[in-house]
Every structure is written in structure tokens, then in C-alpha cells.
Amino acid sequence: MKKLIVSCFVIGVAFNANAQDYWKKNAGKTAKVVFTHSKTNEKMVDKGTVKFEKMSQPKETDACIFVDPDFKYQKLIGIGGAITDASAETLYKLPKNKQKEILEAYYGKNGLGYTVVRTNMNSCDFSSDSYTYVQDNDNTLKTFTVAHDEKFKIPMIKEAQKMIGKDFTFYFSPWSPPAWMKSNKSMLKGGRLENAFYQTWADYYVKFIKEYEKRGINVWGLTVQNEPMATQTWESCIYTAEEEGEFLKNNLGPTLWKNGYKDKKVMIWDHNRDLIYQRATTTLSDPETSKYASGIGYHWYETWNNKTQLFDNLSETQRAFPDKFLAFTEGCKEQFDMSAIYDVKLGELYGRNMLNDFNKGTALWTDWNVLLDETGGPNHVGNFCFAPIIADTKTGEVHYTYEYYYIGHVSKFIKPNAQRIGTSSNRAALTSTTFMNENGQLVTVIMNDSDTDIDTNLWIEGMAAKLNAPAHSIQTVIL
């Protein structure tokens, strides 16, 4: 086998199906390198090419990223972020030219290649106020209307859809049913969905899908409930694993299928990695429930120490349910501080999570808000957070954080339907993943989040390219 060594950069390589034949024919092949380095302030800079030369057995002293295209794993559904009320409201407070700039930055031909959009059904914390789509106590849902979303959210989603084109992948999540359906009679602070309203709430999802699709927004999927174990000061609703399963089996799943929505991808859990295995094995233990679920969603907030997240829980869950895809549905850096928006640690938080998530089997990766304002909002409960792009609505200035660039090292070069390839690093400081695009292009992303510069090799089946992975850098290698 031939292996590939990569540094903290992202490297892409065009690669034929038969790896050994490829290298016999292409000894001396060059790969393009795209590089981001906080010390030099280089951001997604084209660094030219590196050349692959013969390298037999690496020594233990050789830092290497090893890639073997003979080992293929999950296919990528897509990468993107959430268009919330906050994101859309912020966008439309900006001058027209800045609106266009931001949309292009994510979805345009020269942008990050985002194809996935998530949004909230009913209000969430990143809304300016609490709202639903029906009047109080309307059990028949006759008053259902998404007029609220037509001012900001729907226009922004449709702009993204137009730019993305055929790969547009849109899904939604509820934070809370209307207050009158819940045990605590509030959309906020947890509470549970009353049994008497299980079917009414299932019908609500169908109403939402129909109204969005009437407006030309095709719904790819949905999650059952955002963070079903979190009693938040904002919109929230609690389900045990058994309750989520019962609602899916008896109400939501059959209601979707009965209305012609069997193709919609339903994701369970939609909360942190800590309980993902317990939730999946409990909720999906009943085959009648499992048949309605396509994926298992999760977030990254299980620990305050961002270097010790529970990535192994993902691979354990994937092994238990190989017929379900893993979907990262939300993550952000909390506790917004405008003075920290250019800190490279924001990017490294994303790099660490994305690369490890993909290596553990994740097929869909969705950031939280794509855009927030100078306060880290708007947010009606003061839960202000970071986003890859921060726009100052007072001055019109647009700030691109390292989150934006670190995500881009993956999303810009690894396309939907790309297949993950076997990749291994022999240095703890170097985190890496590799995908093969449908056109045979091999893309390796390498991050060094340590304080030490590392010279490394991208090694593929006996051929290697020498790379430098400076401290606090990321690179993409395209072969």
C-alpha cells in the first residue's frame, strides 16, 4: 500500500479508481495545496503544488498522514449551516451589496460550497420573539400560516436555494410546540408534549412541509425535536428516548407517510454526543419505530473542554445502526465576545470537530447560525453566540472569522456524494481526513492545532509529498 502524509493544510488529489495503477502511471504527480495560517494571516491561500516521490517504509521519526484509497467508508450528504430568524434578520438589515457578498460567500460559485440549510419550525432562541404558526387552542390547525417566515427567513432560504441548485438539501427542527400543547403551558423552559396533542403536533409538521413546498422550497428532511433532554430558558421540549420513539412510531412517521412524505429523512435525537448511543439503541430498538428513521442527529455541546469531545460514541452508534446516517445538526462557540472574533481557536474548534466527526462516520455536517450581528444575536433570551460571519448592522462591516475559513477547507473542496477514504496520522497534533469526490479527485485536509511546527509527509501507497504544517494552521491538498 502507498500512503499519504499531510500537514495542517487541506490537500486535494485527483485519483483514479485503481490506486496502484494510478501511481504506476503518475509517479511524480503534483497536488495543489490551499493553506490557512494564523501567524502569517494567510487565509485559504493557493500555495501552488507539491510533488509526490517514491517513499517506501516510513520511519517512526517521519511525521506522516497515511491515505489508502482502497478503503472506502460513508458518502457525504453535504455541509452547510442554519438560516435562522437571527441570520435572516441580520442579513436584511445590511446594504444590498453586503447581502449579496454574504450569500456569495457561502453559496456562490466562489464561496464555501455550502449545500445544506437547516431552519427552525416555530421560534427558537435565535428569534427576536417567541412565535408559532397557529392561533392559541386551534386543535384543527385551520389558522396555520407561515406568514411570519415570509419577511426574512423564506427569502434568504430561497436565495441560498437558487445559488446552490440541484444539491440544495433543506431540513428543519422544532424547538417547541405551541404553549397550549405542553404540560407547562409555555414554549420556554422545557415541559413535555401532552399525549392528547401527539397527533395534532404530527399534523403540524405536515402543514409546515406543505407550506414551504408551496413556496418552492423542497424539504429534504427534519429532526423530531431539537435537544430533547435540555430544559432551556428558551424554547424547549423534553422527550425521553421511549417517548420520542412512541411519537415517531404512532404519530409522526405514519402521518408523514400517509401524506406522501415517505421520502423525507427523519432524524432522531438531535442533541449531544454523550447520550447518542443510549438514545439510538433505545428509540430504534423497535423495528416499527426504526423504519421511520433515516438518521441520527447530534450536537457538540457535551463538554466544556473542546479537546475531549466524545467522538467514539459516534463510531459505536454507526456500528450499531449501519443503515442510518449520522448527522451533525448544530454547533457553535457560545458566550459571544466581539473582541475575540479573529481568534484562531474559533477555527480550530471547527476543524477539530469536523475532521473527527467525519472520521467517525458522519455523513451530514451542519453549522449553527450562518450569520449573526455585532451582539452575537439577535436572540430573545440573551444567549449570544459566535457565527462564521459576523455583520455589524450599525456600520455595515462584515467580519469573517477563522470559523469561516476552517469550515471552508472542507466544504469548498469536498463535494456531496464524495466518499470518505481510509486516513491515519502518526502525530497527535495532526488531525486529518480524506474524501474522494465523484470525479476521482482525492482531497485531504490536515490541521495542526499545536504550538509546534511540524514537517510531515502525505503518504499514499509508497509515494509521498513533503509538507510543512506550521503551528495553528490548516491545509487542503487536492490530488
Protein backbone atom coordinates (compact mmCIF):
# COMPACT_ATOMS: atom_id res chain seq x y z
CA MET A 1 0.00 0.00 0.00
CA LYS A 2 1.03 3.57 -0.59
CA LYS A 3 0.40 6.22 1.93
CA LEU A 4 -0.04 9.95 2.13
CA ILE A 5 1.39 12.37 4.64
CA VAL A 6 -0.27 15.69 5.21
CA SER A 7 0.28 18.65 7.46
CA CYS A 8 -2.20 21.08 8.95
CA PHE A 9 -3.35 22.03 5.47
CA VAL A 10 -6.05 20.70 3.24
CA ILE A 11 -4.79 18.83 0.23
CA GLY A 12 -6.84 17.63 -2.73
CA VAL A 13 -5.73 14.92 -5.12
CA ALA A 14 -7.33 13.73 -8.39
CA PHE A 15 -7.27 9.96 -8.14
CA ASN A 16 -8.22 7.00 -10.33
CA ALA A 17 -10.27 4.08 -9.01
CA ASN A 18 -7.35 1.65 -9.21
CA ALA A 19 -4.86 3.20 -6.84
CA GLN A 20 -1.86 1.03 -7.71
CA ASP A 21 -2.24 1.60 -11.44
CA TYR A 22 -2.65 5.30 -10.76
CA TRP A 23 0.70 5.56 -9.02
CA LYS A 24 2.49 3.43 -11.60
CA LYS A 25 1.31 5.88 -14.25
CA ASN A 26 1.69 9.05 -12.21
CA ALA A 27 4.93 8.89 -10.25
CA GLY A 28 5.99 12.47 -9.77
CA LYS A 29 2.37 13.69 -9.82
CA THR A 30 1.78 17.08 -8.23
CA ALA A 31 -1.05 18.10 -5.90
CA LYS A 32 -2.46 21.55 -5.22
CA VAL A 33 -2.19 22.96 -1.70
CA VAL A 34 -4.55 25.52 -0.16
CA PHE A 35 -3.34 26.96 3.13
CA THR A 36 -4.54 28.94 6.16
CA HIS A 37 -2.06 30.05 8.82
CA SER A 38 -2.90 32.39 11.67
CA LYS A 39 0.68 33.56 12.26
CA THR A 40 1.13 34.82 8.69
CA ASN A 41 -2.56 35.83 8.36
CA GLU A 42 -2.87 33.70 5.20
CA LYS A 43 -6.46 32.54 4.66
CA MET A 44 -7.26 29.86 2.08
CA VAL A 45 -4.24 30.89 0.02
CA ASP A 46 -3.22 28.89 -3.05
CA LYS A 47 0.32 27.71 -2.23
CA GLY A 48 1.00 26.09 -5.56
CA THR A 49 1.79 22.39 -5.82
CA VAL A 50 3.74 19.66 -4.08
CA LYS A 51 5.31 16.68 -5.84
CA PHE A 52 4.85 13.02 -4.91
CA GLU A 53 8.03 10.96 -4.86
CA LYS A 54 8.72 7.33 -4.00
CA MET A 55 8.84 6.67 -0.24
CA SER A 56 8.90 3.09 0.98
CA GLN A 57 8.55 2.21 4.66
CA PRO A 58 8.34 5.44 6.70
CA LYS A 59 10.47 5.64 9.84
CA GLU A 60 8.94 6.30 13.24
CA THR A 61 10.70 9.65 13.15
CA ASP A 62 8.82 10.60 9.95
CA ALA A 63 5.65 12.55 10.67
CA CYS A 64 3.06 11.26 8.23
CA ILE A 65 -0.54 11.36 7.13
CA PHE A 66 -1.30 7.97 5.57
CA VAL A 67 -4.07 7.67 2.97
CA ASP A 68 -5.26 4.44 1.37
CA PRO A 69 -7.93 4.81 -1.36
CA ASP A 70 -8.65 1.06 -1.23
CA PHE A 71 -10.61 1.61 2.00
CA LYS A 72 -13.89 3.44 1.45
CA TYR A 73 -16.48 4.44 4.02
CA GLN A 74 -19.55 6.74 4.22
CA LYS A 75 -20.63 9.11 1.46
CA LEU A 76 -21.06 12.80 2.19
CA ILE A 77 -24.62 14.13 2.03
CA GLY A 78 -23.47 17.71 2.36
CA ILE A 79 -22.12 20.54 4.52
CA GLY A 80 -23.85 23.80 5.45
CA GLY A 81 -25.34 25.93 8.20
CA ALA A 82 -28.62 27.13 9.69
CA ILE A 83 -30.61 30.03 8.31
CA THR A 84 -32.42 31.05 11.49
CA ASP A 85 -34.58 34.09 12.13
CA ALA A 86 -31.46 35.78 13.55
CA SER A 87 -29.38 35.06 10.44
CA ALA A 88 -32.06 36.29 8.06
CA GLU A 89 -32.95 39.38 10.09
CA THR A 90 -29.28 40.34 10.25
CA LEU A 91 -28.82 39.84 6.50
CA TYR A 92 -31.71 42.12 5.56
CA LYS A 93 -30.54 44.89 7.87
CA LEU A 94 -27.43 45.23 5.72
CA PRO A 95 -26.92 47.18 2.47
CA LYS A 96 -27.80 45.24 -0.70
CA ASN A 97 -24.17 44.84 -1.73
CA LYS A 98 -23.31 43.28 1.65
CA GLN A 99 -26.29 40.94 1.43
CA LYS A 100 -25.02 39.73 -1.92
CA GLU A 101 -21.46 39.39 -0.59
CA ILE A 102 -22.54 37.16 2.30
CA LEU A 103 -24.78 34.95 0.17
CA GLU A 104 -21.99 34.56 -2.38
CA ALA A 105 -19.51 33.81 0.41
CA TYR A 106 -21.47 30.70 1.39
CA TYR A 107 -23.43 29.59 -1.67
CA GLY A 108 -21.89 31.28 -4.71
CA LYS A 109 -19.58 29.83 -7.32
CA ASN A 110 -16.51 31.09 -5.46
CA GLY A 111 -17.92 30.59 -1.96
CA LEU A 112 -17.59 27.79 0.57
CA GLY A 113 -19.72 25.33 -1.37
CA TYR A 114 -22.49 25.08 1.22
CA THR A 115 -25.33 22.80 0.08
CA VAL A 116 -27.19 22.20 3.38
CA VAL A 117 -29.66 24.57 5.06
CA ARG A 118 -31.34 23.93 8.42
CA THR A 119 -34.06 26.15 9.85
CA ASN A 120 -36.34 26.35 12.88
CA MET A 121 -40.06 25.42 12.84
CA ASN A 122 -41.69 27.85 15.32
CA SER A 123 -39.34 30.18 17.18
CA CYS A 124 -36.04 29.30 18.79
CA ASP A 125 -33.58 31.26 20.94
CA PHE A 126 -32.20 32.86 17.76
CA SER A 127 -35.51 34.56 17.02
CA SER A 128 -36.43 38.10 18.04
CA ASP A 129 -39.51 36.80 19.87
CA SER A 130 -41.49 33.63 20.55
CA TYR A 131 -44.00 32.67 17.85
CA THR A 132 -45.93 29.79 16.34
CA TYR A 133 -47.85 29.37 13.08
CA VAL A 134 -51.30 28.91 14.63
CA GLN A 135 -53.63 30.74 16.96
CA ASP A 136 -53.97 29.53 20.55
CA ASN A 137 -56.04 26.37 21.08
CA ASP A 138 -56.57 25.78 17.35
CA ASN A 139 -56.71 21.99 17.54
CA THR A 140 -57.67 21.71 13.86
CA LEU A 141 -54.73 23.88 12.70
CA LYS A 142 -57.09 25.85 10.42
CA THR A 143 -55.24 29.07 11.23
CA PHE A 144 -51.84 27.64 10.25
CA THR A 145 -49.73 30.14 8.27
CA VAL A 146 -46.01 30.69 7.76
CA ALA A 147 -46.52 34.40 7.04
CA HIS A 148 -44.05 35.18 9.84
CA ASP A 149 -41.25 33.49 7.87
CA GLU A 150 -42.01 35.31 4.62
CA LYS A 151 -40.45 38.55 5.83
CA PHE A 152 -36.89 37.32 6.38
CA LYS A 153 -36.31 33.56 6.61
CA ILE A 154 -38.01 32.32 3.47
CA PRO A 155 -36.45 34.98 1.19
CA MET A 156 -32.94 34.12 2.46
CA ILE A 157 -33.54 30.37 2.14
CA LYS A 158 -34.76 30.84 -1.43
CA GLU A 159 -31.67 32.91 -2.29
CA ALA A 160 -29.48 30.13 -0.95
CA GLN A 161 -31.52 27.52 -2.83
CA LYS A 162 -31.14 29.42 -6.10
CA MET A 163 -27.36 29.62 -5.72
CA ILE A 164 -26.91 26.01 -4.58
CA GLY A 165 -29.01 24.48 -7.35
CA LYS A 166 -29.55 20.73 -7.60
CA ASP A 167 -27.59 19.86 -4.45
CA PHE A 168 -29.84 22.00 -2.19
CA THR A 169 -30.54 19.97 0.98
CA PHE A 170 -33.05 21.59 3.34
CA TYR A 171 -34.27 20.33 6.70
CA PHE A 172 -35.98 21.76 9.76
CA SER A 173 -36.20 21.25 13.52
CA PRO A 174 -38.80 22.28 16.12
CA TRP A 175 -37.64 23.78 19.43
CA SER A 176 -41.10 23.69 21.00
CA PRO A 177 -44.74 23.02 20.16
CA PRO A 178 -47.19 25.85 20.90
CA ALA A 179 -47.56 26.50 24.65
CA TRP A 180 -51.14 25.16 24.76
CA MET A 181 -49.94 21.73 23.63
CA LYS A 182 -47.45 21.41 26.51
CA SER A 183 -47.51 20.31 30.12
CA ASN A 184 -46.00 23.57 31.43
CA LYS A 185 -48.18 25.78 29.16
CA SER A 186 -45.08 27.61 27.96
CA MET A 187 -42.84 27.32 24.89
CA LEU A 188 -39.89 28.01 27.20
CA LYS A 189 -38.20 26.05 29.99
CA GLY A 190 -38.82 22.50 28.91
CA GLY A 191 -42.13 20.85 29.65
CA ARG A 192 -43.38 17.94 27.56
CA LEU A 193 -45.84 17.47 24.72
CA GLU A 194 -49.17 16.40 26.20
CA ASN A 195 -50.29 12.98 24.99
CA ALA A 196 -53.60 14.45 23.81
CA PHE A 197 -51.72 16.58 21.28
CA TYR A 198 -49.36 13.97 19.80
CA GLN A 199 -51.39 13.70 16.61
CA THR A 200 -52.07 17.44 16.34
CA TRP A 201 -48.35 18.08 16.62
CA ALA A 202 -47.59 15.43 13.96
CA ASP A 203 -50.09 17.14 11.64
CA TYR A 204 -48.25 20.42 12.32
CA TYR A 205 -45.04 19.08 10.68
CA VAL A 206 -47.02 18.15 7.58
CA LYS A 207 -48.58 21.62 7.43
CA PHE A 208 -45.10 23.17 7.63
CA ILE A 209 -43.75 20.97 4.85
CA LYS A 210 -46.72 21.74 2.60
CA GLU A 211 -46.44 25.49 3.11
CA TYR A 212 -42.70 25.59 2.42
CA GLU A 213 -43.01 23.34 -0.62
CA LYS A 214 -45.84 25.55 -1.95
CA ARG A 215 -43.22 28.28 -1.99
CA GLY A 216 -40.80 26.15 -3.98
CA ILE A 217 -38.59 25.10 -1.06
CA ASN A 218 -38.22 21.34 -1.25
CA VAL A 219 -37.93 19.77 2.20
CA TRP A 220 -35.31 17.01 2.32
CA GLY A 221 -35.73 16.12 5.98
CA LEU A 222 -36.49 17.01 9.58
CA THR A 223 -35.49 16.22 13.14
CA VAL A 224 -38.10 15.13 15.65
CA GLN A 225 -37.07 17.62 18.34
CA ASN A 226 -34.12 19.94 18.93
CA GLU A 227 -32.28 18.98 22.14
CA PRO A 228 -34.97 16.78 23.71
CA MET A 229 -33.08 16.47 27.02
CA ALA A 230 -32.44 20.19 27.63
CA THR A 231 -34.67 22.35 29.79
CA GLN A 232 -33.58 25.74 28.43
CA THR A 233 -34.61 29.28 29.30
CA TRP A 234 -35.65 29.47 25.65
CA GLU A 235 -37.95 27.27 23.52
CA SER A 236 -37.51 23.64 24.53
CA CYS A 237 -39.48 20.41 24.95
CA ILE A 238 -38.47 17.22 26.74
CA TYR A 239 -38.80 13.68 25.40
CA THR A 240 -37.32 10.51 26.87
CA ALA A 241 -35.93 8.05 24.33
CA GLU A 242 -39.09 5.97 24.71
CA GLU A 243 -41.38 8.98 24.26
CA GLU A 244 -39.56 10.08 21.13
CA GLY A 245 -39.89 6.56 19.76
CA GLU A 246 -43.60 6.36 20.55
CA PHE A 247 -44.29 9.72 18.92
CA LEU A 248 -42.34 8.72 15.81
CA LYS A 249 -43.91 5.26 15.55
CA ASN A 250 -47.52 6.13 16.30
CA ASN A 251 -47.89 9.68 15.03
CA LEU A 252 -45.13 11.48 13.14
CA GLY A 253 -43.92 8.61 10.94
CA PRO A 254 -47.35 7.34 9.83
CA THR A 255 -48.59 10.90 9.30
CA LEU A 256 -45.67 11.75 7.03
CA TRP A 257 -46.12 8.55 5.03
CA LYS A 258 -49.89 8.95 4.76
CA ASN A 259 -49.40 12.42 3.28
CA GLY A 260 -46.95 11.26 0.62
CA TYR A 261 -43.79 12.22 2.52
CA LYS A 262 -42.19 8.81 2.91
CA ASP A 263 -39.09 10.23 1.21
CA LYS A 264 -38.44 12.82 3.95
CA LYS A 265 -35.39 11.96 6.04
CA VAL A 266 -36.38 11.85 9.70
CA MET A 267 -33.54 12.22 12.21
CA ILE A 268 -33.91 11.28 15.87
CA TRP A 269 -32.07 12.62 18.95
CA ASP A 270 -30.65 15.95 17.63
CA HIS A 271 -28.73 16.52 20.84
CA ASN A 272 -25.21 15.87 22.18
CA ARG A 273 -22.76 13.02 21.57
CA ASP A 274 -22.84 11.97 25.23
CA LEU A 275 -26.19 10.14 25.06
CA ILE A 276 -26.31 9.39 21.32
CA TYR A 277 -25.68 5.65 21.72
CA GLN A 278 -28.24 5.21 24.53
CA ARG A 279 -30.85 7.24 22.68
CA ALA A 280 -30.35 5.43 19.39
CA THR A 281 -30.33 1.93 20.88
CA THR A 282 -33.44 2.70 22.94
CA THR A 283 -35.50 4.68 20.43
CA LEU A 284 -34.68 2.40 17.49
CA SER A 285 -34.97 -0.91 19.34
CA ASP A 286 -38.50 -1.32 17.96
CA PRO A 287 -38.41 -2.14 14.23
CA GLU A 288 -41.75 -0.35 13.78
CA THR A 289 -40.11 2.85 15.05
CA SER A 290 -36.82 2.31 13.25
CA LYS A 291 -38.46 2.05 9.84
CA TYR A 292 -39.46 5.72 10.03
CA ALA A 293 -35.96 6.99 10.94
CA SER A 294 -33.27 7.63 8.35
CA GLY A 295 -30.63 9.27 10.51
CA ILE A 296 -29.36 10.13 13.97
CA GLY A 297 -28.60 13.79 14.63
CA TYR A 298 -26.26 15.22 17.25
CA HIS A 299 -24.65 18.42 18.60
CA TRP A 300 -21.23 19.09 20.15
CA TYR A 301 -22.10 20.73 23.50
CA GLU A 302 -21.47 17.65 25.67
CA THR A 303 -18.39 19.12 27.32
CA TRP A 304 -16.83 22.48 28.04
CA ASN A 305 -13.40 21.05 27.25
CA ASN A 306 -13.48 21.11 23.47
CA LYS A 307 -10.47 18.79 23.13
CA THR A 308 -12.17 15.86 24.84
CA GLN A 309 -15.42 15.52 22.99
CA LEU A 310 -16.93 12.05 22.82
CA PHE A 311 -16.20 11.20 19.19
CA ASP A 312 -16.01 7.45 19.83
CA ASN A 313 -19.72 7.45 20.67
CA LEU A 314 -20.35 8.26 17.01
CA SER A 315 -18.49 5.26 15.64
CA GLU A 316 -20.15 2.97 18.20
CA THR A 317 -23.57 4.25 17.14
CA GLN A 318 -22.72 3.89 13.45
CA ARG A 319 -21.65 0.29 14.00
CA ALA A 320 -24.92 -0.43 15.80
CA PHE A 321 -27.02 1.17 13.04
CA PRO A 322 -25.15 0.91 9.71
CA ASP A 323 -28.42 1.61 7.86
CA LYS A 324 -28.78 5.07 9.49
CA PHE A 325 -26.66 8.10 8.63
CA LEU A 326 -25.03 10.26 11.29
CA ALA A 327 -25.82 13.97 11.04
CA PHE A 328 -24.11 16.78 12.89
CA THR A 329 -27.03 19.19 13.16
CA GLU A 330 -25.68 22.02 15.31
CA GLY A 331 -22.63 23.51 16.98
CA CYS A 332 -21.26 26.95 17.75
CA LYS A 333 -18.92 28.76 20.12
CA GLU A 334 -21.07 30.20 22.87
CA GLN A 335 -20.60 33.34 25.03
CA PHE A 336 -20.04 35.88 22.27
CA ASP A 337 -17.25 38.42 22.63
CA MET A 338 -16.71 40.83 19.73
CA SER A 339 -13.06 41.28 20.71
CA ALA A 340 -12.40 37.56 20.08
CA ILE A 341 -13.83 37.23 16.57
CA TYR A 342 -10.36 36.94 14.97
CA ASP A 343 -9.06 34.28 17.38
CA VAL A 344 -7.76 31.22 15.51
CA LYS A 345 -9.12 29.00 18.31
CA LEU A 346 -12.59 29.57 16.84
CA GLY A 347 -11.44 27.91 13.64
CA GLU A 348 -9.64 25.11 15.44
CA LEU A 349 -12.81 24.31 17.36
CA TYR A 350 -14.47 23.69 14.00
CA GLY A 351 -11.53 21.87 12.46
CA ARG A 352 -11.22 19.50 15.42
CA ASN A 353 -14.91 18.66 15.38
CA MET A 354 -15.39 18.37 11.63
CA LEU A 355 -12.38 16.16 10.94
CA ASN A 356 -13.06 13.84 13.87
CA ASP A 357 -16.78 13.69 13.12
CA PHE A 358 -16.14 12.63 9.54
CA ASN A 359 -13.56 10.06 10.61
CA LYS A 360 -16.16 8.52 12.95
CA GLY A 361 -18.77 8.11 10.22
CA THR A 362 -20.68 11.41 9.94
CA ALA A 363 -22.37 11.96 6.57
CA LEU A 364 -24.07 15.36 7.07
CA TRP A 365 -22.48 18.35 8.83
CA THR A 366 -24.46 21.49 9.66
CA ASP A 367 -23.12 24.53 11.48
CA TRP A 368 -25.47 26.68 13.57
CA ASN A 369 -26.27 30.30 12.51
CA VAL A 370 -24.62 31.24 9.22
CA LEU A 371 -24.73 34.92 10.19
CA LEU A 372 -25.15 36.97 13.39
CA ASP A 373 -24.88 40.64 14.25
CA GLU A 374 -22.40 42.61 16.34
CA THR A 375 -24.06 41.41 19.57
CA GLY A 376 -23.97 37.71 18.65
CA GLY A 377 -27.72 37.86 18.06
CA PRO A 378 -30.47 38.85 17.73
CA ASN A 379 -31.57 36.47 20.48
CA HIS A 380 -34.68 36.98 22.58
CA VAL A 381 -33.23 35.31 25.70
CA GLY A 382 -29.70 36.73 25.69
CA ASN A 383 -27.98 33.53 24.53
CA PHE A 384 -25.45 35.34 22.32
CA CYS A 385 -23.00 33.22 20.28
CA PHE A 386 -20.38 33.32 17.53
CA ALA A 387 -21.03 32.59 13.84
CA PRO A 388 -18.58 32.17 10.94
CA ILE A 389 -19.60 35.58 9.64
CA ILE A 390 -20.42 38.49 11.96
CA ALA A 391 -22.02 41.59 10.43
CA ASP A 392 -22.10 44.94 12.18
CA THR A 393 -25.59 46.18 11.36
CA LYS A 394 -24.66 49.70 12.52
CA THR A 395 -21.66 50.17 10.23
CA GLY A 396 -22.35 47.55 7.53
CA GLU A 397 -18.93 45.97 8.12
CA VAL A 398 -18.69 42.21 7.55
CA HIS A 399 -16.25 40.14 9.62
CA TYR A 400 -15.02 36.70 8.50
CA THR A 401 -13.86 34.63 11.48
CA TYR A 402 -11.47 31.68 11.38
CA GLU A 403 -14.58 29.51 11.70
CA TYR A 404 -15.43 30.50 8.15
CA TYR A 405 -12.04 29.54 6.75
CA TYR A 406 -11.62 26.28 8.66
CA ILE A 407 -15.06 25.09 7.55
CA GLY A 408 -14.18 26.17 4.02
CA HIS A 409 -11.09 23.97 3.93
CA VAL A 410 -13.52 21.07 3.97
CA SER A 411 -16.74 22.33 2.37
CA LYS A 412 -15.19 24.10 -0.60
CA PHE A 413 -13.28 21.07 -1.84
CA ILE A 414 -15.21 18.00 -0.68
CA LYS A 415 -18.44 17.73 -2.66
CA PRO A 416 -21.77 15.98 -1.98
CA ASN A 417 -21.54 12.22 -2.66
CA ALA A 418 -17.80 12.21 -2.03
CA GLN A 419 -16.72 9.05 -0.23
CA ARG A 420 -14.50 9.05 2.83
CA ILE A 421 -11.19 7.26 2.36
CA GLY A 422 -9.01 5.50 4.93
CA THR A 423 -6.72 8.06 6.60
CA SER A 424 -4.40 7.89 9.60
CA SER A 425 -2.00 10.29 11.32
CA ASN A 426 1.06 9.22 13.32
CA ARG A 427 1.22 12.50 15.23
CA ALA A 428 -1.41 13.51 17.80
CA ALA A 429 -1.01 17.17 16.81
CA LEU A 430 -2.03 16.45 13.21
CA THR A 431 -5.73 15.78 12.62
CA SER A 432 -6.74 14.76 9.12
CA THR A 433 -9.49 13.32 6.93
CA THR A 434 -9.68 12.36 3.25
CA PHE A 435 -12.56 12.09 0.78
CA MET A 436 -12.69 11.06 -2.87
CA ASN A 437 -15.01 13.20 -4.98
CA GLU A 438 -17.17 11.57 -7.63
CA ASN A 439 -14.74 12.75 -10.34
CA GLY A 440 -11.91 10.77 -8.70
CA GLN A 441 -10.33 13.81 -7.06
CA LEU A 442 -8.72 12.94 -3.74
CA VAL A 443 -8.95 15.66 -1.08
CA THR A 444 -7.03 15.51 2.20
CA VAL A 445 -7.47 18.10 4.96
CA ILE A 446 -4.79 18.43 7.66
CA MET A 447 -4.90 20.57 10.77
CA ASN A 448 -2.14 21.34 13.29
CA ASP A 449 -3.66 22.95 16.38
CA SER A 450 -0.49 22.61 18.47
CA ASP A 451 2.15 25.26 19.25
CA THR A 452 4.83 23.38 17.32
CA ASP A 453 5.63 23.49 13.60
CA ILE A 454 5.68 20.01 12.05
CA ASP A 455 7.30 18.86 8.81
CA THR A 456 5.21 15.98 7.54
CA ASN A 457 4.55 13.70 4.60
CA LEU A 458 1.32 12.95 2.79
CA TRP A 459 1.82 9.26 2.05
CA ILE A 460 -0.22 7.28 -0.48
CA GLU A 461 0.76 3.72 -1.36
CA GLY A 462 4.51 4.18 -1.39
CA MET A 463 4.50 7.74 -2.72
CA ALA A 464 4.73 10.84 -0.54
CA ALA A 465 4.67 14.61 -0.77
CA LYS A 466 6.62 16.66 1.74
CA LEU A 467 4.56 19.26 3.53
CA ASN A 468 5.02 21.77 6.28
CA ALA A 469 2.30 22.05 8.89
CA PRO A 470 3.06 25.14 10.96
CA ALA A 471 1.55 25.59 14.40
CA HIS A 472 -2.10 26.67 14.27
CA SER A 473 -2.62 26.07 10.57
CA ILE A 474 -4.89 24.04 8.29
CA GLN A 475 -4.38 22.99 4.70
CA THR A 476 -6.19 21.18 1.92
CA VAL A 477 -4.29 19.03 -0.56
CA ILE A 478 -6.04 18.24 -3.85
CA LEU A 479 -4.58 15.44 -5.99
